[in-house]
Structures are given as structure tokens and as C-alpha cells.
C-alpha atoms as a PDB file:
ATOM      1  CA  MET A   1     -12.812   0.728  -5.763  1.00  0.00           C
ATOM      2  CA  LYS A   2     -16.005  -0.415  -7.316  1.00  0.00           C
ATOM      3  CA  LYS A   3     -16.649   3.293  -8.539  1.00  0.00           C
ATOM      4  CA  LEU A   4     -13.362   3.435  -9.705  1.00  0.00           C
ATOM      5  CA  ALA A   5     -13.488   0.168 -11.572  1.00  0.00           C
ATOM      6  CA  ILE A   6     -16.747   1.191 -13.245  1.00  0.00           C
ATOM      7  CA  PHE A   7     -15.198   4.459 -14.136  1.00  0.00           C
ATOM      8  CA  LEU A   8     -12.068   2.866 -15.509  1.00  0.00           C
ATOM      9  CA  ILE A   9     -13.901   0.252 -17.447  1.00  0.00           C
ATOM     10  CA  SER A  10     -16.415   3.022 -18.809  1.00  0.00           C
ATOM     11  CA  ALA A  11     -13.575   5.120 -20.053  1.00  0.00           C
ATOM     12  CA  VAL A  12     -12.060   2.186 -21.812  1.00  0.00           C
ATOM     13  CA  PHE A  13     -15.421   0.970 -23.276  1.00  0.00           C
ATOM     14  CA  LEU A  14     -16.030   4.595 -24.270  1.00  0.00           C
ATOM     15  CA  SER A  15     -12.747   5.052 -25.953  1.00  0.00           C
ATOM     16  CA  LEU A  16     -12.782   1.833 -27.987  1.00  0.00           C
ATOM     17  CA  THR A  17     -16.457   2.486 -29.033  1.00  0.00           C
ATOM     18  CA  ALA A  18     -15.653   6.027 -30.215  1.00  0.00           C
ATOM     19  CA  CYS A  19     -12.622   4.932 -32.258  1.00  0.00           C
ATOM     20  CA  SER A  20     -14.666   2.515 -34.545  1.00  0.00           C
ATOM     21  CA  SER A  21     -16.210   4.041 -37.594  1.00  0.00           C
ATOM     22  CA  GLU A  22     -18.321   1.088 -38.604  1.00  0.00           C
ATOM     23  CA  GLY A  23     -17.974   1.806 -42.187  1.00  0.00           C
ATOM     24  CA  LYS A  24     -19.020   5.305 -42.073  1.00  0.00           C
ATOM     25  CA  GLN A  25     -17.010   7.738 -44.207  1.00  0.00           C
ATOM     26  CA  LEU A  26     -15.758  10.777 -42.414  1.00  0.00           C
ATOM     27  CA  PRO A  27     -15.821  13.965 -44.050  1.00  0.00           C
ATOM     28  CA  GLU A  28     -12.352  15.060 -45.770  1.00  0.00           C
ATOM     29  CA  SER A  29     -10.837  17.709 -43.935  1.00  0.00           C
ATOM     30  CA  ASN A  30      -6.818  18.788 -42.982  1.00  0.00           C
ATOM     31  CA  PRO A  31      -5.228  16.255 -40.787  1.00  0.00           C
ATOM     32  CA  PRO A  32      -4.936  17.514 -37.316  1.00  0.00           C
ATOM     33  CA  PRO A  33      -1.728  18.572 -36.360  1.00  0.00           C
ATOM     34  CA  PRO A  34       0.476  16.002 -34.529  1.00  0.00           C
ATOM     35  CA  LEU A  35       0.143  15.211 -30.869  1.00  0.00           C
ATOM     36  CA  PRO A  36       3.091  15.920 -28.636  1.00  0.00           C
ATOM     37  CA  SER A  37       5.108  13.018 -28.068  1.00  0.00           C
ATOM     38  CA  ILE A  38       4.111  11.280 -24.843  1.00  0.00           C
ATOM     39  CA  PRO A  39       6.753   8.956 -23.237  1.00  0.00           C
ATOM     40  CA  PHE A  40       5.798   5.309 -22.735  1.00  0.00           C
ATOM     41  CA  ILE A  41       4.558   5.016 -19.124  1.00  0.00           C
ATOM     42  CA  LYS A  42       5.338   1.722 -17.716  1.00  0.00           C
ATOM     43  CA  ALA A  43       2.590   0.248 -15.336  1.00  0.00           C
ATOM     44  CA  PRO A  44       3.938   0.210 -11.657  1.00  0.00           C
ATOM     45  CA  PRO A  45       3.864  -3.212  -9.814  1.00  0.00           C
ATOM     46  CA  LEU A  46       0.596  -3.874  -8.340  1.00  0.00           C
ATOM     47  CA  ASN A  47       0.818  -2.173  -4.858  1.00  0.00           C
ATOM     48  CA  ILE A  48      -2.158  -2.883  -2.637  1.00  0.00           C
ATOM     49  CA  THR A  49      -2.214  -2.676   1.177  1.00  0.00           C
ATOM     50  CA  PRO A  50      -3.813  -5.420   3.303  1.00  0.00           C
ATOM     51  CA  GLU A  51      -6.793  -2.709   4.049  1.00  0.00           C
ATOM     52  CA  ALA A  52      -7.433  -1.783   0.538  1.00  0.00           C
ATOM     53  CA  GLU A  53      -7.546  -5.671  -0.292  1.00  0.00           C
ATOM     54  CA  LYS A  54     -10.275  -6.067   2.545  1.00  0.00           C
ATOM     55  CA  GLN A  55     -12.256  -3.147   0.973  1.00  0.00           C
ATOM     56  CA  LEU A  56     -11.776  -4.853  -2.480  1.00  0.00           C
ATOM     57  CA  ASN A  57     -13.046  -8.073  -1.111  1.00  0.00           C
ATOM     58  CA  ALA A  58     -15.795  -6.260   0.686  1.00  0.00           C
ATOM     59  CA  HIS A  59     -17.076  -4.902  -2.526  1.00  0.00           C
ATOM     60  CA  GLY A  60     -16.841  -8.354  -4.339  1.00  0.00           C
ATOM     61  CA  TYR A  61     -13.533  -7.911  -5.910  1.00  0.00           C
ATOM     62  CA  THR A  62     -10.193  -9.580  -5.424  1.00  0.00           C
ATOM     63  CA  VAL A  63      -6.743  -8.175  -6.129  1.00  0.00           C
ATOM     64  CA  ASP A  64      -6.609 -10.136  -9.487  1.00  0.00           C
ATOM     65  CA  ASP A  65      -9.598  -7.894 -10.439  1.00  0.00           C
ATOM     66  CA  VAL A  66      -7.596  -4.913 -10.278  1.00  0.00           C
ATOM     67  CA  THR A  67      -6.111  -4.834 -13.796  1.00  0.00           C
ATOM     68  CA  LYS A  68      -2.978  -3.422 -14.883  1.00  0.00           C
ATOM     69  CA  GLU A  69      -5.012  -1.193 -17.203  1.00  0.00           C
ATOM     70  CA  MET A  70      -6.908   0.222 -14.137  1.00  0.00           C
ATOM     71  CA  ILE A  71      -3.676   0.842 -12.488  1.00  0.00           C
ATOM     72  CA  LEU A  72      -2.352   2.399 -15.511  1.00  0.00           C
ATOM     73  CA  ALA A  73      -5.326   4.586 -15.606  1.00  0.00           C
ATOM     74  CA  VAL A  74      -5.205   5.867 -11.979  1.00  0.00           C
ATOM     75  CA  THR A  75      -1.431   6.507 -12.135  1.00  0.00           C
ATOM     76  CA  PHE A  76      -1.878   8.561 -15.520  1.00  0.00           C
ATOM     77  CA  ASP A  77      -4.553  10.377 -13.623  1.00  0.00           C
ATOM     78  CA  ILE A  78      -2.362  11.060 -10.561  1.00  0.00           C
ATOM     79  CA  ARG A  79       0.473  11.849 -12.650  1.00  0.00           C
ATOM     80  CA  LYS A  80      -1.473  14.602 -14.365  1.00  0.00           C
ATOM     81  CA  PHE A  81      -2.675  15.885 -11.127  1.00  0.00           C
ATOM     82  CA  VAL A  82       0.671  16.205  -9.749  1.00  0.00           C
ATOM     83  CA  GLN A  83       1.942  18.063 -12.875  1.00  0.00           C
ATOM     84  CA  ASN A  84      -0.624  20.379 -12.633  1.00  0.00           C
ATOM     85  CA  LEU A  85       0.177  20.999  -8.988  1.00  0.00           C
ATOM     86  CA  ASN A  86       3.862  21.481  -9.930  1.00  0.00           C
ATOM     87  CA  GLY A  87       2.794  24.319 -12.135  1.00  0.00           C
ATOM     88  CA  ILE A  88       0.882  26.000  -9.285  1.00  0.00           C
ATOM     89  CA  ILE A  89       3.894  25.327  -6.902  1.00  0.00           C
ATOM     90  CA  SER A  90       6.285  26.792  -9.346  1.00  0.00           C
ATOM     91  CA  ARG A  91       4.250  29.840  -9.679  1.00  0.00           C
ATOM     92  CA  ARG A  92       4.078  30.175  -5.970  1.00  0.00           C
ATOM     93  CA  ASP A  93       0.340  30.304  -6.346  1.00  0.00           C
ATOM     94  CA  TYR A  94      -0.695  29.682  -2.863  1.00  0.00           C
ATOM     95  CA  ASN A  95      -4.633  30.181  -3.267  1.00  0.00           C
ATOM     96  CA  LYS A  96      -4.613  27.754  -5.929  1.00  0.00           C
ATOM     97  CA  TRP A  97      -2.623  25.322  -4.112  1.00  0.00           C
ATOM     98  CA  VAL A  98      -4.938  25.511  -1.184  1.00  0.00           C
ATOM     99  CA  SER A  99      -7.722  24.449  -3.417  1.00  0.00           C
ATOM    100  CA  TYR A 100      -5.927  21.159  -4.116  1.00  0.00           C
ATOM    101  CA  LEU A 101      -5.810  20.199  -0.223  1.00  0.00           C
ATOM    102  CA  SER A 102      -8.404  18.437   1.458  1.00  0.00           C
ATOM    103  CA  SER A 103     -10.126  20.499   4.351  1.00  0.00           C
ATOM    104  CA  GLU A 104      -8.799  18.042   7.113  1.00  0.00           C
ATOM    105  CA  TYR A 105      -5.111  18.612   5.632  1.00  0.00           C
ATOM    106  CA  PHE A 106      -5.448  22.249   5.380  1.00  0.00           C
ATOM    107  CA  LEU A 107      -6.521  22.267   9.164  1.00  0.00           C
ATOM    108  CA  THR A 108      -3.317  20.005   9.941  1.00  0.00           C
ATOM    109  CA  ILE A 109      -0.959  22.485   8.305  1.00  0.00           C
ATOM    110  CA  SER A 110      -2.461  25.169   9.830  1.00  0.00           C
ATOM    111  CA  SER A 111      -2.178  24.159  13.375  1.00  0.00           C
ATOM    112  CA  LYS A 112       0.354  25.634  15.676  1.00  0.00           C
ATOM    113  CA  GLU A 113       1.679  22.132  16.552  1.00  0.00           C
ATOM    114  CA  PHE A 114       2.469  21.375  12.978  1.00  0.00           C
ATOM    115  CA  LEU A 115       3.975  24.456  12.257  1.00  0.00           C
ATOM    116  CA  ASP A 116       5.942  24.514  15.407  1.00  0.00           C
ATOM    117  CA  ALA A 117       7.274  20.949  14.372  1.00  0.00           C
ATOM    118  CA  GLN A 118       8.057  21.807  10.863  1.00  0.00           C
ATOM    119  CA  SER A 119      10.050  24.885  12.162  1.00  0.00           C
ATOM    120  CA  GLN A 120      12.320  22.711  14.438  1.00  0.00           C
ATOM    121  CA  LYS A 121      13.594  20.534  11.310  1.00  0.00           C
ATOM    122  CA  ASP A 122      17.062  21.220  10.507  1.00  0.00           C
ATOM    123  CA  LEU A 123      16.666  23.052   7.265  1.00  0.00           C
ATOM    124  CA  LEU A 124      14.223  25.774   8.720  1.00  0.00           C
ATOM    125  CA  ARG A 125      16.201  25.742  11.993  1.00  0.00           C
ATOM    126  CA  THR A 126      19.645  26.592  10.576  1.00  0.00           C
ATOM    127  CA  LYS A 127      18.048  29.351   8.400  1.00  0.00           C
ATOM    128  CA  LYS A 128      16.159  30.602  11.416  1.00  0.00           C
ATOM    129  CA  ILE A 129      12.925  30.268   9.685  1.00  0.00           C
ATOM    130  CA  VAL A 130       9.828  30.071  12.097  1.00  0.00           C
ATOM    131  CA  LEU A 131       6.607  29.200  10.277  1.00  0.00           C
ATOM    132  CA  LYS A 132       3.413  31.030  11.575  1.00  0.00           C
ATOM    133  CA  SER A 133       0.946  30.032   9.111  1.00  0.00           C
ATOM    134  CA  ALA A 134       0.063  27.573   6.212  1.00  0.00           C
ATOM    135  CA  LYS A 135       1.285  29.990   3.713  1.00  0.00           C
ATOM    136  CA  ASP A 136       4.664  30.087   5.377  1.00  0.00           C
ATOM    137  CA  TYR A 137       4.686  26.268   5.334  1.00  0.00           C
ATOM    138  CA  PHE A 138       3.819  26.651   1.318  1.00  0.00           C
ATOM    139  CA  ILE A 139       6.467  29.267   0.981  1.00  0.00           C
ATOM    140  CA  TYR A 140       9.454  27.652   2.800  1.00  0.00           C
ATOM    141  CA  VAL A 141       8.576  23.838   2.695  1.00  0.00           C
ATOM    142  CA  VAL A 142       6.443  23.108  -0.445  1.00  0.00           C
ATOM    143  CA  VAL A 143       7.968  25.346  -2.966  1.00  0.00           C
ATOM    144  CA  PRO A 144      11.413  24.121  -2.637  1.00  0.00           C
ATOM    145  CA  SER A 145      10.631  20.537  -2.051  1.00  0.00           C
ATOM    146  CA  ARG A 146       7.674  19.751  -4.526  1.00  0.00           C
ATOM    147  CA  ALA A 147       7.885  22.253  -7.520  1.00  0.00           C
ATOM    148  CA  GLN A 148       9.477  19.435  -9.637  1.00  0.00           C
ATOM    149  CA  SER A 149       7.884  16.311  -8.174  1.00  0.00           C
ATOM    150  CA  ARG A 150       7.188  13.043 -10.369  1.00  0.00           C
ATOM    151  CA  VAL A 151       5.140  10.021  -9.671  1.00  0.00           C
ATOM    152  CA  ASP A 152       7.139   6.852  -9.972  1.00  0.00           C
ATOM    153  CA  ASP A 153       4.646   4.319  -8.316  1.00  0.00           C
ATOM    154  CA  ILE A 154       1.298   4.684  -6.498  1.00  0.00           C
ATOM    155  CA  GLU A 155      -0.033   2.381  -3.616  1.00  0.00           C
ATOM    156  CA  PHE A 156      -3.654   1.949  -3.300  1.00  0.00           C
ATOM    157  CA  ILE A 157      -4.775   2.512   0.401  1.00  0.00           C
ATOM    158  CA  SER A 158      -8.499   2.234  -0.089  1.00  0.00           C
ATOM    159  CA  GLU A 159     -11.206   2.614  -2.810  1.00  0.00           C
ATOM    160  CA  THR A 160     -10.756   6.565  -2.750  1.00  0.00           C
ATOM    161  CA  ARG A 161      -6.936   6.829  -1.281  1.00  0.00           C
ATOM    162  CA  VAL A 162      -3.691   6.234  -2.706  1.00  0.00           C
ATOM    163  CA  LYS A 163      -0.184   7.007  -1.676  1.00  0.00           C
ATOM    164  CA  ALA A 164       2.141   8.435  -4.441  1.00  0.00           C
ATOM    165  CA  TYR A 165       5.559   7.954  -4.425  1.00  0.00           C
ATOM    166  CA  THR A 166       8.857   9.176  -6.104  1.00  0.00           C
ATOM    167  CA  VAL A 167      12.268   7.097  -6.455  1.00  0.00           C
ATOM    168  CA  ASN A 168      15.390   9.128  -5.919  1.00  0.00           C
ATOM    169  CA  ARG A 169      18.658   7.640  -5.854  1.00  0.00           C
ATOM    170  CA  GLY A 170      17.014   4.283  -5.352  1.00  0.00           C
ATOM    171  CA  GLN A 171      15.053   5.336  -2.408  1.00  0.00           C
ATOM    172  CA  ARG A 172      11.535   5.305  -2.599  1.00  0.00           C
ATOM    173  CA  MET A 173       9.752   8.504  -0.861  1.00  0.00           C
ATOM    174  CA  ARG A 174       6.180   9.478  -0.267  1.00  0.00           C
ATOM    175  CA  LEU A 175       5.206  12.246  -2.307  1.00  0.00           C
ATOM    176  CA  TYR A 176       1.470  12.634  -1.301  1.00  0.00           C
ATOM    177  CA  GLU A 177      -1.213  10.750   0.201  1.00  0.00           C
ATOM    178  CA  LEU A 178      -4.269  11.813  -2.203  1.00  0.00           C
ATOM    179  CA  GLU A 179      -8.025  11.240  -1.625  1.00  0.00           C
ATOM    180  CA  ARG A 180     -10.423  11.220  -4.470  1.00  0.00           C
ATOM    181  CA  LYS A 181     -13.381  13.358  -3.590  1.00  0.00           C
ATOM    182  CA  ASN A 182     -16.298  14.380  -5.958  1.00  0.00           C
ATOM    183  CA  ASP A 183     -14.256  13.104  -9.188  1.00  0.00           C
ATOM    184  CA  SER A 184     -10.961  15.066  -8.069  1.00  0.00           C
ATOM    185  CA  TRP A 185      -7.997  14.115  -6.411  1.00  0.00           C
ATOM    186  CA  LEU A 186      -6.943  16.207  -3.242  1.00  0.00           C
ATOM    187  CA  ILE A 187      -3.969  16.086  -0.958  1.00  0.00           C
ATOM    188  CA  ALA A 188      -4.994  14.333   1.994  1.00  0.00           C
ATOM    189  CA  ASN A 189      -1.528  13.908   3.839  1.00  0.00           C
END
């Protein structure tokens, strides 16, 4: 969380200092085209698990140190990640999708036990679909269920792990468990 806090504070500082011109005259040019309209993103409620709170405390932070701005920045980052992922899933680009998975998660979804369990779920069983590979899982489970995902809420699990949720018909459902590795988010579960 300390790395995340430093990153977010640095990003805010750089954006604020980059915006000040300190009296310098900018060369005249044509104004840039207007940016596309971006809807206002309401900060999600502070949602930190006891395990994550212990990790914050171990790094010298309290829950109060996790500002709404930090949560908003992480939420924005995750929403952007999921939006990119939605495009990949909509295009049925299996190879690109795999690059968004942690190696541990890929091993899990490739296992015979996982594929057999998924094949026994009502939707696949009634269609007589038997999953034999991670690619089958992608085609028959991920594509139909995740191509239009949206993130309504996040929950911090640890310094580098969050759960992303959507709310559908008043019910909060987990979309992804994401892990930050090498400054990138990956699907971890």
C-alpha cells in the first residue's frame, strides 16, 4: 500500500505542478480539440478488509490515511483495465486475454478439476458443453459473461490486491480479484 500511496501522491503532485505556468507565456497555437465527455465518477465507499488494514498498519498507515482520492485513482485505474479487458473479450482475443491473467490463475483455469467443475454448472450442462481447455473456458464462460462488465466498487484486500465488484439489480457481485505486479493489474482469481 505504501508503494501505491507514494505512486498516487506523486501522480497528484505531478499533475498539479504540470498545470501551473508560473507566469510563463505559452506560444499561441490552435486550441486542442475538445476532450470526450467523461462521466463523473463517484468515489466508492471506503472498503478495506481487516487483513488489508493490518498491512496498512504494518507500513505505518491507518485506514484514515487511505484517502478518497487514492481510492478514486485506484478505482479509475481498475475501471480502465476492465474496459480494455472488455474490448479483448468482445473481440474473442484469447491470446491477449491470457496476457491479462496471473500465471497462478492461468494454471487454475487450465486444471482438469476446475474445467470439470465448470462443466457441471447448469448453463453448460444443459447445453451439453464440456470444457477441455482454458480456451474453452474463455469461449463458453468468459465471453458470454464478462464482455460488458463494469466496476461499481472495489475492495482492498492487500497492498497489491483488490476485488472489483459490479452491482446488478441491487446485488453486489464480484467480477475479478486483481493483483498488481510490475505496475500492471492482472486477474488473480
